[in-house]
Amino acid sequence: MAKKQNNPKNNNGSEAQKAQPVEEVRIGSVKAAIWRNDTDTGPRFNVTVQRIYRTEDGKWHSTTSFGRDELLTLAKVADAAHTRVMQLIGEQREQERDQQRQNEQSAA
């Protein structure tokens, strides 16, 4: 359900300038993008949601408008995104604890 996004590289091998979500959660045409923002107090995660659709000419578009029939799917995607954000926060805290232990061991 959750899909990790790779940071794209530009032609000279450096990170591309366009920000990418760290992961996406998608059910059917409804998807949530999870964004990581590093702050002085640690990482913060935000989520954007959208519905994707294809027009008659075959082009893909997205909207932040949801119809009656998409609301339950939207709720499920939001729940899955919340679960994944909580996992990411837990992973971050675990990494910080490991780093603190390593620092304490190297200081001793």
Protein backbone atom coordinates (compact mmCIF):
# COMPACT_ATOMS: atom_id res chain seq x y z
CA MET A 1 0.00 0.00 0.00
CA ALA A 2 2.71 2.51 0.94
CA LYS A 3 5.23 3.13 -1.78
CA LYS A 4 8.66 4.66 -1.14
CA GLN A 5 9.73 7.34 -3.55
CA ASN A 6 13.29 7.53 -4.82
CA ASN A 7 14.84 10.96 -5.08
CA PRO A 8 15.38 11.57 -8.79
CA LYS A 9 18.81 12.63 -10.00
CA ASN A 10 19.40 15.22 -12.68
CA ASN A 11 21.87 14.78 -15.55
CA ASN A 12 25.00 15.66 -13.53
CA GLY A 13 24.17 13.13 -10.80
CA SER A 14 23.14 15.62 -8.09
CA GLU A 15 19.78 15.64 -6.35
CA ALA A 16 17.04 17.18 -8.47
CA GLN A 17 15.59 20.41 -7.11
CA LYS A 18 11.95 19.31 -7.12
CA ALA A 19 10.83 17.99 -3.74
CA GLN A 20 9.46 14.46 -3.72
CA PRO A 21 7.20 12.79 -1.15
CA VAL A 22 8.92 10.20 1.02
CA GLU A 23 6.06 7.78 0.37
CA GLU A 24 2.66 7.51 -1.24
CA VAL A 25 -0.39 5.58 -0.11
CA ARG A 26 -2.90 4.79 -2.84
CA ILE A 27 -6.21 2.96 -3.02
CA GLY A 28 -7.84 3.08 -6.41
CA SER A 29 -7.92 6.65 -7.68
CA VAL A 30 -7.29 8.24 -4.26
CA LYS A 31 -3.76 8.79 -3.08
CA ALA A 32 -1.93 10.48 -0.24
CA ALA A 33 1.61 11.81 -0.51
CA ILE A 34 3.66 11.90 2.70
CA TRP A 35 6.13 14.79 2.87
CA ARG A 36 9.03 15.11 5.31
CA ASN A 37 10.11 18.53 6.53
CA ASP A 38 13.27 18.66 8.64
CA THR A 39 13.09 21.27 11.40
CA ASP A 40 15.29 22.33 14.32
CA THR A 41 13.17 20.15 16.61
CA GLY A 42 13.25 17.13 14.31
CA PRO A 43 11.32 15.94 11.28
CA ARG A 44 7.69 16.87 10.69
CA PHE A 45 5.44 15.00 8.30
CA ASN A 46 2.62 16.47 6.24
CA VAL A 47 0.17 14.69 3.97
CA THR A 48 -1.53 15.87 0.81
CA VAL A 49 -4.40 13.94 -0.77
CA GLN A 50 -5.72 13.91 -4.29
CA ARG A 51 -7.91 11.96 -6.67
CA ILE A 52 -6.47 11.09 -10.05
CA TYR A 53 -8.55 10.60 -13.16
CA ARG A 54 -8.17 10.26 -16.92
CA THR A 55 -10.07 12.44 -19.37
CA GLU A 56 -11.56 11.20 -22.63
CA ASP A 57 -8.44 12.25 -24.52
CA GLY A 58 -6.37 9.90 -22.33
CA LYS A 59 -4.56 12.58 -20.31
CA TRP A 60 -4.14 12.14 -16.55
CA HIS A 61 -5.26 14.88 -14.16
CA SER A 62 -5.64 15.25 -10.42
CA THR A 63 -8.01 17.09 -8.13
CA THR A 64 -8.50 17.67 -4.45
CA SER A 65 -12.26 17.35 -4.86
CA PHE A 66 -13.92 14.09 -3.83
CA GLY A 67 -17.39 12.83 -4.62
CA ARG A 68 -19.71 10.89 -2.37
CA ASP A 69 -18.45 7.57 -3.70
CA GLU A 70 -14.80 8.42 -2.93
CA LEU A 71 -15.26 9.56 0.66
CA LEU A 72 -14.86 6.14 2.29
CA THR A 73 -11.79 5.45 0.17
CA LEU A 74 -10.44 8.86 1.18
CA ALA A 75 -10.95 7.93 4.84
CA LYS A 76 -9.11 4.63 4.35
CA VAL A 77 -6.22 6.35 2.57
CA ALA A 78 -6.04 8.97 5.34
CA ASP A 79 -6.00 6.22 7.98
CA ALA A 80 -3.23 4.34 6.15
CA ALA A 81 -1.22 7.56 5.73
CA HIS A 82 -1.60 8.31 9.46
CA THR A 83 -0.39 4.80 10.33
CA ARG A 84 2.64 5.19 8.07
CA VAL A 85 3.49 8.64 9.47
CA MET A 86 3.40 7.19 12.98
CA GLN A 87 5.74 4.39 11.83
CA LEU A 88 8.12 6.92 10.29
CA ILE A 89 8.17 8.91 13.55
CA GLY A 90 8.91 5.71 15.49
CA GLU A 91 11.73 4.81 13.10
CA GLN A 92 13.18 8.30 13.51
CA ARG A 93 13.09 8.03 17.31
CA GLU A 94 14.77 4.61 17.14
CA GLN A 95 17.55 6.05 14.99
CA GLU A 96 18.02 8.92 17.45
CA ARG A 97 18.25 6.47 20.37
CA ASP A 98 20.80 4.36 18.48
CA GLN A 99 22.85 7.47 17.70
CA GLN A 100 22.73 8.55 21.35
CA ARG A 101 23.91 5.07 22.47
CA GLN A 102 26.78 5.17 20.00
CA ASN A 103 27.79 8.63 21.20
CA GLU A 104 27.72 7.47 24.81
CA GLN A 105 29.81 4.39 23.99
CA SER A 106 32.42 6.38 22.07
CA ALA A 107 32.65 8.94 24.92
CA ALA A 108 33.32 6.19 27.50
